[in-house]
């Protein structure tokens, strides 16, 4: 049930975020460490404009764990395009 709730939380108000977060959750969430899963859940509580800004590189999260999670998600998406 918790994973269903998290997957639903990946659906945002911006299509660009939906296209990034939902596939990441489906393909990579289960392989994350417990700490990374917690950080991913925290990331989902952030506002869409902040998330979008982080993912396109206009700003970076102040929290190091959040910064690392953004990089993991971006790298996973980039890897989709290069493999």
N, C-alpha and C. Protein backbone atom coordinates (compact mmCIF):
# COMPACT_ATOMS: atom_id res chain seq x y z
N UNK A 1 0.82 -1.20 0.00
CA UNK A 1 0.00 0.00 0.00
C UNK A 1 0.86 1.26 0.00
N UNK A 2 1.95 1.24 0.76
CA UNK A 2 2.81 2.41 0.83
C UNK A 2 3.38 2.74 -0.55
N UNK A 3 3.80 1.71 -1.30
CA UNK A 3 4.37 1.96 -2.62
C UNK A 3 3.33 2.55 -3.57
N UNK A 4 2.08 2.15 -3.44
CA UNK A 4 1.03 2.73 -4.27
C UNK A 4 0.87 4.21 -3.95
N UNK A 5 0.93 4.56 -2.68
CA UNK A 5 0.82 5.96 -2.26
C UNK A 5 2.00 6.76 -2.79
N UNK A 6 3.20 6.18 -2.71
CA UNK A 6 4.39 6.87 -3.21
C UNK A 6 4.33 7.06 -4.73
N UNK A 7 3.89 6.02 -5.43
CA UNK A 7 3.79 6.14 -6.88
C UNK A 7 2.80 7.24 -7.25
N UNK A 8 1.69 7.31 -6.53
CA UNK A 8 0.71 8.36 -6.78
C UNK A 8 1.33 9.74 -6.52
N UNK A 9 2.15 9.86 -5.50
CA UNK A 9 2.80 11.13 -5.17
C UNK A 9 3.80 11.55 -6.24
N UNK A 10 4.27 10.60 -7.04
CA UNK A 10 5.18 10.92 -8.15
C UNK A 10 4.45 11.65 -9.27
N UNK A 11 3.15 11.53 -9.31
CA UNK A 11 2.35 12.25 -10.31
C UNK A 11 2.16 13.67 -9.80
N UNK A 12 2.72 14.61 -10.53
CA UNK A 12 2.77 15.99 -10.08
C UNK A 12 1.84 16.87 -10.91
N UNK A 13 1.94 18.16 -10.72
CA UNK A 13 1.18 19.10 -11.51
C UNK A 13 1.87 19.50 -12.80
N UNK A 14 3.07 18.98 -13.01
CA UNK A 14 3.83 19.30 -14.23
C UNK A 14 4.15 18.01 -14.97
N UNK A 15 3.83 17.98 -16.24
CA UNK A 15 4.08 16.80 -17.06
C UNK A 15 5.57 16.43 -17.05
N UNK A 16 6.44 17.43 -17.08
CA UNK A 16 7.88 17.16 -17.10
C UNK A 16 8.32 16.38 -15.86
N UNK A 17 7.76 16.72 -14.72
CA UNK A 17 8.10 16.00 -13.49
C UNK A 17 7.49 14.61 -13.49
N UNK A 18 6.27 14.49 -14.00
CA UNK A 18 5.65 13.17 -14.11
C UNK A 18 6.51 12.23 -14.95
N UNK A 19 7.02 12.76 -16.05
CA UNK A 19 7.82 11.95 -16.98
C UNK A 19 9.17 11.55 -16.39
N UNK A 20 9.59 12.25 -15.38
CA UNK A 20 10.86 11.95 -14.72
C UNK A 20 10.65 11.05 -13.49
N UNK A 21 9.71 11.41 -12.65
CA UNK A 21 9.56 10.74 -11.36
C UNK A 21 8.85 9.39 -11.43
N UNK A 22 7.79 9.28 -12.22
CA UNK A 22 7.04 8.02 -12.29
C UNK A 22 7.91 6.89 -12.84
N UNK A 23 8.59 7.09 -13.99
CA UNK A 23 9.46 6.01 -14.47
C UNK A 23 10.60 5.68 -13.51
N UNK A 24 11.16 6.71 -12.86
CA UNK A 24 12.21 6.45 -11.89
C UNK A 24 11.68 5.56 -10.76
N UNK A 25 10.52 5.90 -10.26
CA UNK A 25 9.93 5.10 -9.19
C UNK A 25 9.72 3.66 -9.65
N UNK A 26 9.12 3.50 -10.82
CA UNK A 26 8.81 2.17 -11.34
C UNK A 26 10.06 1.32 -11.57
N UNK A 27 11.11 1.93 -12.04
CA UNK A 27 12.30 1.18 -12.45
C UNK A 27 13.41 1.11 -11.41
N UNK A 28 13.46 2.08 -10.47
CA UNK A 28 14.64 2.15 -9.61
C UNK A 28 14.36 2.21 -8.10
N UNK A 29 13.15 2.53 -7.72
CA UNK A 29 12.88 2.74 -6.29
C UNK A 29 13.26 1.53 -5.44
N UNK A 30 12.89 0.36 -5.87
CA UNK A 30 13.15 -0.84 -5.05
C UNK A 30 14.64 -1.12 -4.87
N UNK A 31 15.47 -0.63 -5.78
CA UNK A 31 16.92 -0.88 -5.66
C UNK A 31 17.63 0.16 -4.80
N UNK A 32 16.91 1.19 -4.34
CA UNK A 32 17.52 2.20 -3.48
C UNK A 32 17.74 1.66 -2.08
N UNK A 33 18.73 2.23 -1.40
CA UNK A 33 18.95 1.89 0.00
C UNK A 33 17.79 2.45 0.84
N UNK A 34 17.68 1.99 2.06
CA UNK A 34 16.64 2.49 2.96
C UNK A 34 16.73 3.99 3.13
N UNK A 35 17.94 4.49 3.30
CA UNK A 35 18.14 5.94 3.46
C UNK A 35 17.77 6.70 2.19
N UNK A 36 18.11 6.15 1.04
CA UNK A 36 17.76 6.79 -0.22
C UNK A 36 16.25 6.79 -0.44
N UNK A 37 15.60 5.72 -0.05
CA UNK A 37 14.13 5.66 -0.15
C UNK A 37 13.50 6.76 0.70
N UNK A 38 14.03 6.95 1.89
CA UNK A 38 13.52 8.00 2.78
C UNK A 38 13.73 9.37 2.14
N UNK A 39 14.89 9.59 1.55
CA UNK A 39 15.17 10.86 0.88
C UNK A 39 14.24 11.07 -0.31
N UNK A 40 14.00 10.01 -1.08
CA UNK A 40 13.08 10.11 -2.21
C UNK A 40 11.68 10.52 -1.72
N UNK A 41 11.24 9.92 -0.64
CA UNK A 41 9.93 10.29 -0.08
C UNK A 41 9.92 11.76 0.32
N UNK A 42 11.00 12.23 0.92
CA UNK A 42 11.10 13.64 1.31
C UNK A 42 11.09 14.53 0.08
N UNK A 43 11.76 14.10 -0.98
CA UNK A 43 11.80 14.86 -2.22
C UNK A 43 10.37 15.08 -2.75
N UNK A 44 9.53 14.07 -2.61
CA UNK A 44 8.16 14.17 -3.11
C UNK A 44 7.32 15.20 -2.34
N UNK A 45 7.78 15.63 -1.19
CA UNK A 45 7.05 16.65 -0.44
C UNK A 45 7.45 18.07 -0.84
N UNK A 46 8.43 18.19 -1.72
CA UNK A 46 8.87 19.51 -2.17
C UNK A 46 7.89 20.07 -3.21
N UNK A 47 7.94 21.36 -3.36
CA UNK A 47 7.07 22.05 -4.31
C UNK A 47 7.55 21.81 -5.75
N UNK A 48 6.61 21.72 -6.68
CA UNK A 48 6.95 21.47 -8.08
C UNK A 48 7.96 22.47 -8.66
N UNK A 49 7.80 23.78 -8.43
CA UNK A 49 8.78 24.71 -9.00
C UNK A 49 10.21 24.46 -8.49
N UNK A 50 10.33 24.07 -7.23
CA UNK A 50 11.66 23.76 -6.69
C UNK A 50 12.22 22.51 -7.35
N UNK A 51 11.41 21.46 -7.45
CA UNK A 51 11.85 20.23 -8.09
C UNK A 51 12.29 20.50 -9.52
N UNK A 52 11.46 21.21 -10.27
CA UNK A 52 11.77 21.50 -11.66
C UNK A 52 13.09 22.26 -11.77
N UNK A 53 13.28 23.23 -10.92
CA UNK A 53 14.51 24.02 -10.91
C UNK A 53 15.73 23.15 -10.62
N UNK A 54 15.59 22.21 -9.70
CA UNK A 54 16.70 21.31 -9.37
C UNK A 54 17.02 20.40 -10.55
N UNK A 55 15.98 19.85 -11.17
CA UNK A 55 16.20 18.88 -12.24
C UNK A 55 16.74 19.51 -13.52
N UNK A 56 16.43 20.78 -13.76
CA UNK A 56 16.98 21.42 -14.95
C UNK A 56 18.26 22.19 -14.64
N UNK A 57 18.67 22.19 -13.39
CA UNK A 57 19.95 22.76 -13.01
C UNK A 57 19.97 24.25 -12.75
N UNK A 58 18.80 24.87 -12.56
CA UNK A 58 18.78 26.28 -12.24
C UNK A 58 19.15 26.54 -10.79
N UNK A 59 18.91 25.57 -9.94
CA UNK A 59 19.28 25.66 -8.53
C UNK A 59 19.60 24.26 -8.04
N UNK A 60 20.14 24.20 -6.83
CA UNK A 60 20.45 22.89 -6.23
C UNK A 60 19.89 22.86 -4.82
N UNK A 61 19.50 21.67 -4.36
CA UNK A 61 19.00 21.56 -2.98
C UNK A 61 20.11 21.89 -1.98
N UNK A 62 19.74 22.48 -0.87
CA UNK A 62 20.72 22.76 0.17
C UNK A 62 21.12 21.49 0.91
N UNK A 63 20.19 20.58 1.07
CA UNK A 63 20.43 19.32 1.78
C UNK A 63 21.26 18.38 0.91
N UNK A 64 22.36 17.87 1.44
CA UNK A 64 23.25 17.00 0.66
C UNK A 64 22.58 15.70 0.22
N UNK A 65 21.77 15.12 1.07
CA UNK A 65 21.08 13.88 0.70
C UNK A 65 20.10 14.14 -0.45
N UNK A 66 19.42 15.27 -0.39
CA UNK A 66 18.48 15.64 -1.46
C UNK A 66 19.25 15.93 -2.75
N UNK A 67 20.37 16.60 -2.62
CA UNK A 67 21.21 16.87 -3.78
C UNK A 67 21.65 15.57 -4.45
N UNK A 68 22.04 14.59 -3.64
CA UNK A 68 22.45 13.28 -4.16
C UNK A 68 21.29 12.57 -4.83
N UNK A 69 20.09 12.67 -4.27
CA UNK A 69 18.92 12.01 -4.86
C UNK A 69 18.57 12.64 -6.20
N UNK A 70 18.64 13.94 -6.31
CA UNK A 70 18.39 14.61 -7.59
C UNK A 70 19.37 14.09 -8.64
N UNK A 71 20.63 13.95 -8.25
CA UNK A 71 21.65 13.44 -9.18
C UNK A 71 21.34 12.00 -9.58
N UNK A 72 20.94 11.17 -8.64
CA UNK A 72 20.59 9.77 -8.95
C UNK A 72 19.45 9.72 -9.97
N UNK A 73 18.43 10.54 -9.77
CA UNK A 73 17.28 10.55 -10.68
C UNK A 73 17.69 11.07 -12.06
N UNK A 74 18.46 12.16 -12.08
CA UNK A 74 18.92 12.69 -13.36
C UNK A 74 19.81 11.70 -14.09
N UNK A 75 20.71 11.05 -13.37
CA UNK A 75 21.60 10.05 -13.98
C UNK A 75 20.81 8.87 -14.53
N UNK A 76 19.78 8.44 -13.82
CA UNK A 76 18.95 7.32 -14.28
C UNK A 76 18.26 7.70 -15.59
N UNK A 77 17.76 8.92 -15.68
CA UNK A 77 17.08 9.37 -16.90
C UNK A 77 18.09 9.48 -18.04
N UNK A 78 19.25 10.04 -17.76
CA UNK A 78 20.29 10.17 -18.78
C UNK A 78 20.72 8.79 -19.28
N UNK A 79 20.82 7.83 -18.37
CA UNK A 79 21.20 6.48 -18.72
C UNK A 79 20.18 5.84 -19.66
N UNK A 80 18.91 6.18 -19.52
CA UNK A 80 17.87 5.67 -20.42
C UNK A 80 18.16 6.08 -21.86
N UNK A 81 18.65 7.30 -22.02
CA UNK A 81 18.89 7.85 -23.36
C UNK A 81 20.20 7.36 -23.97
N UNK A 82 21.12 6.91 -23.14
CA UNK A 82 22.44 6.52 -23.66
C UNK A 82 22.61 5.02 -23.81
N UNK A 83 21.61 4.24 -23.37
CA UNK A 83 21.73 2.78 -23.52
C UNK A 83 20.77 2.26 -24.54
